Amino acid sequence: MWLTGKDSMNSKEALFLELMNEVKNAAPGARLGYNLRLKLERNPRADRRDIVGRIKDGCAPLFIACKRGHVEIVEYLITTCDADIEQRGLYEVPDDRSVHNVTPLWCAAVSGKLPVIKCLVQHGANVNAVSDTGSTPVRSACFMTHLEIVSFLVTCGADILKANYNGGTCLINSVQSVQLCLYLLQHGAKVNARDIQNKTALHYAIQEHRFETTKLLLDHGADPHARSRYNDDALQTACLKGAAQIFHYLIERINYSPERLADAHELIGSTFLDEHVDTQVALSHWEAALKLRSSTDQPIRKRPSMPPRQAFGNITEFATEEDLRNLALDLDAMRVQSLLICERVLGPH
């Protein structure tokens, strides 16, 4: 019995849906079932390519197989069905539910499927094909801390210097892992590369409280004085994020002026008060700032000089140890001090 054109189309669609269902439900390491393979291979090669190139919910069968790590199925779809190795699909990021248009290789990289990646590369997949946000497969692997995948992609020609459309680099995407950052630096990553916020990897390491990564980046030439578009350098970032361990490391390692150190102690004290309601830590930092301001022959004045403001009840910043002792008993007064400090230190001036 001859199939009409409409019957043929329906037959192909049914076969495609059967294929999609089997790929989605395949066990790890499984192949396609014998009966399904037989049905596919009864079709001419061009028809097989048409069937496996169809899309459901934004994805073709090859894309789903790559995401799930079904390397045997990936191999079959490419070699027997001529699946398009670069056909893009929709990948949903689990953390924020954002959806990106990416290649099968990109999807396999972010999903941690090294055997699939090796198969795709062997068949000529573009290791530097970017997502809809300009992110490469190796950059996505960095974000997920898949060091073995990063290493393999680099040996295959992946460009670790290529940033996404927001300027985010592989190194910036790797601050959660000292080992991965070290690998990238040893393979030519630019330690002071900036994104569109003018931030370097050092900024991100500090704001995420990555102490060991911060040390590594500084040891490899990261500039602690580089300022973001918000005018934050390494020390100010540590203050604003309450990264106490990094704060103490920076002030020991880098030769800041007494005035800068006093400002920093005042600012991080404000952070601990505002973010953690930790009055004791706040007062200890403010006391350290007082001592620094009186440690030279000429007392270090707070700059810029801020006139009393009616909005703050015409209160001025603390200037003596007695002021601090009085503040210790009044949380609301401490909060006003925090506002005054932030306005003076952070500007705009």
Protein backbone atom coordinates (compact mmCIF):
# COMPACT_ATOMS: atom_id res chain seq x y z
CA MET A 1 0.00 0.00 0.00
CA TRP A 2 1.42 3.35 -1.09
CA LEU A 3 1.51 6.20 1.43
CA THR A 4 0.09 9.53 0.35
CA GLY A 5 2.08 12.68 1.06
CA LYS A 6 -0.07 13.41 4.09
CA ASP A 7 0.27 9.85 5.40
CA SER A 8 4.04 10.07 4.96
CA MET A 9 4.15 13.30 6.94
CA ASN A 10 2.06 11.80 9.71
CA SER A 11 4.27 8.71 9.75
CA LYS A 12 7.40 10.84 10.10
CA GLU A 13 5.85 12.91 12.88
CA ALA A 14 4.80 9.78 14.75
CA LEU A 15 8.29 8.35 14.40
CA PHE A 16 9.78 11.63 15.62
CA LEU A 17 7.54 11.65 18.69
CA GLU A 18 8.44 8.04 19.43
CA LEU A 19 12.12 8.94 19.14
CA MET A 20 11.75 11.94 21.45
CA ASN A 21 9.94 9.86 24.04
CA GLU A 22 12.61 7.16 24.00
CA VAL A 23 15.48 9.67 24.23
CA LYS A 24 13.86 11.44 27.18
CA ASN A 25 13.23 8.20 29.05
CA ALA A 26 16.37 6.26 28.17
CA ALA A 27 18.41 4.83 31.03
CA PRO A 28 22.02 6.00 31.44
CA GLY A 29 24.24 4.36 28.84
CA ALA A 30 21.27 3.03 26.85
CA ARG A 31 20.96 2.75 23.09
CA LEU A 32 17.82 3.32 21.10
CA GLY A 33 15.59 0.26 21.04
CA TYR A 34 15.98 -2.19 18.17
CA ASN A 35 12.46 -1.65 16.83
CA LEU A 36 12.87 2.12 16.76
CA ARG A 37 16.21 1.87 14.99
CA LEU A 38 14.66 -0.49 12.46
CA LYS A 39 11.83 1.97 11.76
CA LEU A 40 14.27 4.84 11.34
CA GLU A 41 16.61 2.94 9.06
CA ARG A 42 13.77 1.91 6.74
CA ASN A 43 13.61 5.57 5.73
CA PRO A 44 15.97 7.09 3.18
CA ARG A 45 18.87 8.99 4.77
CA ALA A 46 17.37 12.37 3.85
CA ASP A 47 14.12 11.44 5.59
CA ARG A 48 16.02 10.29 8.68
CA ARG A 49 17.73 13.67 8.81
CA ASP A 50 14.35 15.36 8.53
CA ILE A 51 12.88 13.23 11.33
CA VAL A 52 15.72 13.78 13.82
CA GLY A 53 15.87 17.48 12.97
CA ARG A 54 12.33 18.14 14.13
CA ILE A 55 11.75 20.12 17.29
CA LYS A 56 9.49 19.72 20.29
CA ASP A 57 9.49 22.19 23.18
CA GLY A 58 12.42 23.99 21.58
CA CYS A 59 14.69 20.94 21.30
CA ALA A 60 15.60 18.26 18.76
CA PRO A 61 16.37 14.65 19.83
CA LEU A 62 20.15 15.18 19.58
CA PHE A 63 19.96 18.13 21.96
CA ILE A 64 18.03 16.10 24.54
CA ALA A 65 20.45 13.19 24.22
CA CYS A 66 23.42 15.52 24.76
CA LYS A 67 21.82 17.11 27.81
CA ARG A 68 21.12 13.71 29.37
CA GLY A 69 24.52 12.25 28.50
CA HIS A 70 23.29 9.45 26.22
CA VAL A 71 26.50 9.14 24.21
CA GLU A 72 25.43 5.96 22.36
CA ILE A 73 22.29 7.70 21.16
CA VAL A 74 24.25 10.82 20.22
CA GLU A 75 26.64 8.73 18.14
CA TYR A 76 23.74 6.95 16.42
CA LEU A 77 21.83 10.13 15.61
CA ILE A 78 24.92 11.73 14.08
CA THR A 79 26.31 8.78 12.13
CA THR A 80 23.15 6.95 11.08
CA CYS A 81 20.62 9.78 10.88
CA ASP A 82 22.82 12.73 9.86
CA ALA A 83 21.62 14.83 12.80
CA ASP A 84 22.75 18.46 12.57
CA ILE A 85 25.54 18.69 15.12
CA GLU A 86 25.08 22.46 15.49
CA GLN A 87 21.26 22.53 15.69
CA ARG A 88 20.41 24.76 18.62
CA GLY A 89 17.95 24.07 21.37
CA LEU A 90 16.60 25.75 24.48
CA TYR A 91 18.49 25.21 27.73
CA GLU A 92 16.84 26.30 30.97
CA VAL A 93 19.22 27.32 33.75
CA PRO A 94 18.05 25.55 36.93
CA ASP A 95 19.04 28.38 39.29
CA ASP A 96 17.19 31.30 37.75
CA ARG A 97 14.93 29.55 35.20
CA SER A 98 16.35 31.69 32.41
CA VAL A 99 16.27 30.07 28.96
CA HIS A 100 19.12 30.23 26.45
CA ASN A 101 19.48 29.23 22.81
CA VAL A 102 22.60 27.06 22.61
CA THR A 103 24.32 24.31 20.63
CA PRO A 104 24.35 20.64 21.68
CA LEU A 105 28.02 21.01 22.69
CA TRP A 106 27.26 24.01 24.91
CA CYS A 107 24.42 22.06 26.51
CA ALA A 108 26.66 19.04 27.13
CA ALA A 109 29.36 21.28 28.61
CA VAL A 110 27.08 22.96 31.13
CA SER A 111 25.50 19.58 31.93
CA GLY A 112 28.87 17.98 32.66
CA LYS A 113 28.67 15.28 29.98
CA LEU A 114 32.30 14.76 28.95
CA PRO A 115 31.81 11.55 26.89
CA VAL A 116 29.15 13.35 24.85
CA ILE A 117 31.47 16.33 24.38
CA LYS A 118 34.24 14.06 23.12
CA CYS A 119 31.81 12.46 20.66
CA LEU A 120 30.59 15.83 19.38
CA VAL A 121 34.11 17.20 18.97
CA GLN A 122 35.18 14.04 17.16
CA HIS A 123 32.40 14.69 14.66
CA GLY A 124 33.44 18.32 14.15
CA ALA A 125 31.38 20.36 16.60
CA ASN A 126 32.46 23.99 16.92
CA VAL A 127 34.07 24.32 20.35
CA ASN A 128 33.68 28.11 20.31
CA ALA A 129 30.05 28.39 19.17
CA VAL A 130 28.40 30.93 21.45
CA SER A 131 24.99 31.03 23.09
CA ASP A 132 22.45 33.79 22.55
CA THR A 133 24.29 35.78 25.25
CA GLY A 134 27.70 35.27 23.65
CA SER A 135 28.85 32.61 26.10
CA THR A 136 31.14 29.83 24.85
CA PRO A 137 30.88 26.17 25.92
CA VAL A 138 34.11 26.48 27.92
CA ARG A 139 32.77 29.52 29.76
CA SER A 140 29.61 27.61 30.69
CA ALA A 141 31.76 24.71 31.91
CA CYS A 142 33.74 27.17 34.05
CA PHE A 143 30.53 28.44 35.64
CA MET A 144 29.65 24.87 36.63
CA THR A 145 33.24 24.13 37.78
CA HIS A 146 33.65 21.25 35.32
CA LEU A 147 37.46 21.36 35.33
CA GLU A 148 37.94 18.16 33.32
CA ILE A 149 35.63 19.47 30.61
CA VAL A 150 37.35 22.86 30.59
CA SER A 151 40.72 21.14 30.19
CA PHE A 152 39.47 18.95 27.34
CA LEU A 153 37.88 21.86 25.49
CA VAL A 154 41.05 23.93 25.83
CA THR A 155 43.10 21.11 24.28
CA CYS A 156 40.58 21.16 21.42
CA GLY A 157 41.05 24.87 20.79
CA ALA A 158 38.49 26.51 23.07
CA ASP A 159 39.16 30.22 23.55
CA ILE A 160 39.32 31.01 27.27
CA LEU A 161 39.77 34.73 26.53
CA LYS A 162 36.43 35.12 24.76
CA ALA A 163 33.98 36.96 27.00
CA ASN A 164 30.20 36.94 26.71
CA TYR A 165 28.24 39.99 25.58
CA ASN A 166 28.42 41.43 29.12
CA GLY A 167 32.19 41.07 29.22
CA GLY A 168 32.08 38.10 31.58
CA THR A 169 35.22 35.99 31.17
CA CYS A 170 36.03 32.38 31.94
CA LEU A 171 38.12 33.58 34.88
CA ILE A 172 35.26 35.65 36.30
CA ASN A 173 33.04 32.60 35.95
CA SER A 174 35.52 30.47 37.91
CA VAL A 175 36.14 32.40 41.14
CA GLN A 176 34.35 29.69 43.11
CA SER A 177 37.24 27.29 42.37
CA VAL A 178 40.89 28.00 43.17
CA GLN A 179 41.97 24.99 41.13
CA LEU A 180 40.05 26.13 38.06
CA CYS A 181 41.30 29.71 38.35
CA LEU A 182 44.87 28.44 38.60
CA TYR A 183 44.38 26.31 35.48
CA LEU A 184 43.03 29.27 33.53
CA LEU A 185 45.81 31.59 34.67
CA GLN A 186 48.40 28.99 33.69
CA HIS A 187 46.80 28.84 30.24
CA GLY A 188 46.84 32.56 29.55
CA ALA A 189 43.73 34.02 31.18
CA LYS A 190 44.00 37.79 31.67
CA VAL A 191 43.81 38.38 35.41
CA ASN A 192 42.69 42.01 35.11
CA ALA A 193 40.15 41.62 32.29
CA ARG A 194 37.01 43.65 33.02
CA ASP A 195 33.32 43.13 32.29
CA ILE A 196 30.78 45.83 31.39
CA GLN A 197 30.54 46.81 35.06
CA ASN A 198 34.30 47.41 34.95
CA LYS A 199 34.73 44.58 37.45
CA THR A 200 37.61 42.12 37.40
CA ALA A 201 37.69 38.55 38.68
CA LEU A 202 39.10 39.97 41.92
CA HIS A 203 35.94 42.00 42.51
CA TYR A 204 33.81 38.88 42.10
CA ALA A 205 36.04 36.72 44.28
CA ILE A 206 35.80 39.26 47.10
CA GLN A 207 32.07 39.87 46.84
CA GLU A 208 31.55 36.09 47.03
CA HIS A 209 33.90 35.85 50.05
CA ARG A 210 36.32 33.58 48.12
CA PHE A 211 39.40 34.06 50.30
CA GLU A 212 41.71 31.51 48.66
CA THR A 213 40.78 32.71 45.18
CA THR A 214 41.44 36.29 46.24
CA LYS A 215 44.94 35.34 47.38
CA LEU A 216 45.59 33.42 44.16
CA LEU A 217 44.49 36.30 41.95
CA LEU A 218 46.63 38.80 43.85
CA ASP A 219 49.61 36.44 43.62
CA HIS A 220 49.10 36.40 39.84
CA GLY A 221 49.03 40.16 39.45
CA ALA A 222 45.42 41.15 40.07
CA ASP A 223 45.20 44.91 40.60
CA PRO A 224 43.70 45.62 44.05
CA HIS A 225 43.28 49.28 43.08
CA ALA A 226 41.16 48.62 39.96
CA ARG A 227 37.79 50.31 40.41
CA SER A 228 34.43 49.15 39.11
CA ARG A 229 31.89 51.47 37.49
CA TYR A 230 30.56 51.98 41.03
CA ASN A 231 34.04 53.16 42.12
CA ASP A 232 34.68 50.08 44.27
CA ASP A 233 38.22 48.71 44.48
CA ALA A 234 39.18 45.50 46.27
CA LEU A 235 39.19 47.00 49.77
CA GLN A 236 35.92 48.87 49.33
CA THR A 237 34.28 45.72 47.92
CA ALA A 238 35.40 43.77 50.98
CA CYS A 239 33.95 46.48 53.22
CA LEU A 240 30.60 46.61 51.44
CA LYS A 241 30.24 42.82 51.38
CA GLY A 242 31.38 42.31 54.96
CA ALA A 243 34.19 40.01 53.79
CA ALA A 244 36.10 40.28 57.07
CA GLN A 245 38.79 37.68 56.36
CA ILE A 246 39.60 39.28 53.02
CA PHE A 247 39.46 42.76 54.57
CA HIS A 248 42.13 41.86 57.13
CA TYR A 249 44.24 40.14 54.48
CA LEU A 250 44.15 43.19 52.21
CA ILE A 251 45.09 45.69 54.90
CA GLU A 252 48.03 43.49 55.90
CA ARG A 253 49.22 42.86 52.34
CA ILE A 254 48.71 46.26 50.73
CA ASN A 255 50.20 49.54 51.89
CA TYR A 256 47.12 51.73 52.33
CA SER A 257 47.36 55.17 53.88
CA PRO A 258 46.13 55.63 57.47
CA GLU A 259 43.25 57.76 56.15
CA ARG A 260 42.19 55.04 53.71
CA LEU A 261 42.38 52.43 56.47
CA ALA A 262 40.28 54.58 58.78
CA ASP A 263 37.63 55.05 56.09
CA ALA A 264 37.67 51.30 55.46
CA HIS A 265 37.19 50.41 59.13
CA GLU A 266 34.31 52.87 59.35
CA LEU A 267 32.69 51.46 56.22
CA ILE A 268 32.97 47.77 57.11
CA GLY A 269 31.69 48.60 60.59
CA SER A 270 28.62 50.12 58.97
CA THR A 271 28.14 46.99 56.86
CA PHE A 272 28.17 44.73 59.91
CA LEU A 273 25.66 47.00 61.61
CA ASP A 274 23.32 47.31 58.63
CA GLU A 275 23.51 43.76 57.30
CA HIS A 276 23.99 41.72 60.47
CA VAL A 277 22.94 44.09 63.29
CA ASP A 278 26.27 43.19 64.88
CA THR A 279 26.88 46.20 67.09
CA GLN A 280 30.00 44.78 68.74
CA VAL A 281 31.84 44.23 65.46
CA ALA A 282 30.70 47.62 64.20
CA LEU A 283 31.95 49.38 67.33
CA SER A 284 35.28 47.54 67.23
CA HIS A 285 35.90 48.72 63.66
CA TRP A 286 34.83 52.26 64.48
CA GLU A 287 37.17 52.24 67.47
CA ALA A 288 40.02 51.06 65.22
CA ALA A 289 39.25 53.96 62.89
CA LEU A 290 39.42 56.43 65.78
CA LYS A 291 42.83 55.13 66.78
CA LEU A 292 44.11 55.42 63.22
CA ARG A 293 42.86 59.00 62.93
CA SER A 294 44.74 59.96 66.10
CA SER A 295 47.89 57.93 65.34
CA THR A 296 49.79 60.78 63.65
CA ASP A 297 51.07 64.12 64.88
CA GLN A 298 48.20 65.83 63.11
CA PRO A 299 44.82 64.09 63.60
CA ILE A 300 43.46 62.69 60.35
CA ARG A 301 40.26 64.53 59.55
CA LYS A 302 37.25 62.85 58.00
CA ARG A 303 37.02 63.91 54.38
CA PRO A 304 35.10 65.33 52.75
CA SER A 305 33.73 67.45 55.55
CA MET A 306 29.96 66.93 55.67
CA PRO A 307 27.77 69.71 57.11
CA PRO A 308 25.07 68.73 59.62
CA ARG A 309 21.81 67.82 57.90
CA GLN A 310 18.30 68.24 59.19
CA ALA A 311 17.35 64.83 57.76
CA PHE A 312 19.75 63.26 60.27
CA GLY A 313 18.70 65.52 63.14
CA ASN A 314 21.81 67.68 62.60
CA ILE A 315 23.89 64.84 64.07
CA THR A 316 27.56 64.66 63.09
CA GLU A 317 29.86 61.65 62.94
CA PHE A 318 31.46 60.36 66.14
CA ALA A 319 34.83 61.92 66.90
CA THR A 320 35.87 60.62 70.32
CA GLU A 321 35.88 57.42 72.36
CA GLU A 322 33.22 58.97 74.57
CA ASP A 323 31.01 59.39 71.50
CA LEU A 324 31.42 55.68 70.80
CA ARG A 325 30.60 54.70 74.37
CA ASN A 326 27.39 56.70 74.16
CA LEU A 327 26.51 55.13 70.82
CA ALA A 328 26.88 51.62 72.22
CA LEU A 329 23.65 52.07 74.16
CA ASP A 330 21.57 53.45 71.28
CA LEU A 331 21.00 51.30 68.19
CA ASP A 332 19.07 54.03 66.38
CA ALA A 333 21.92 56.47 66.91
CA MET A 334 24.34 53.86 65.55
CA ARG A 335 22.20 53.49 62.43
CA VAL A 336 22.35 57.24 61.85
CA GLN A 337 26.14 57.08 62.20
CA SER A 338 26.20 54.31 59.61
CA LEU A 339 24.25 56.46 57.17
CA LEU A 340 26.60 59.39 57.74
CA ILE A 341 29.66 57.20 57.16
CA CYS A 342 28.30 55.69 53.96
CA GLU A 343 27.31 59.07 52.57
CA ARG A 344 30.77 60.50 53.24
CA VAL A 345 32.91 57.53 52.16
CA LEU A 346 30.88 56.37 49.16
CA GLY A 347 30.00 59.79 47.76
CA PRO A 348 29.23 61.03 45.24
CA HIS A 349 31.99 63.60 45.69
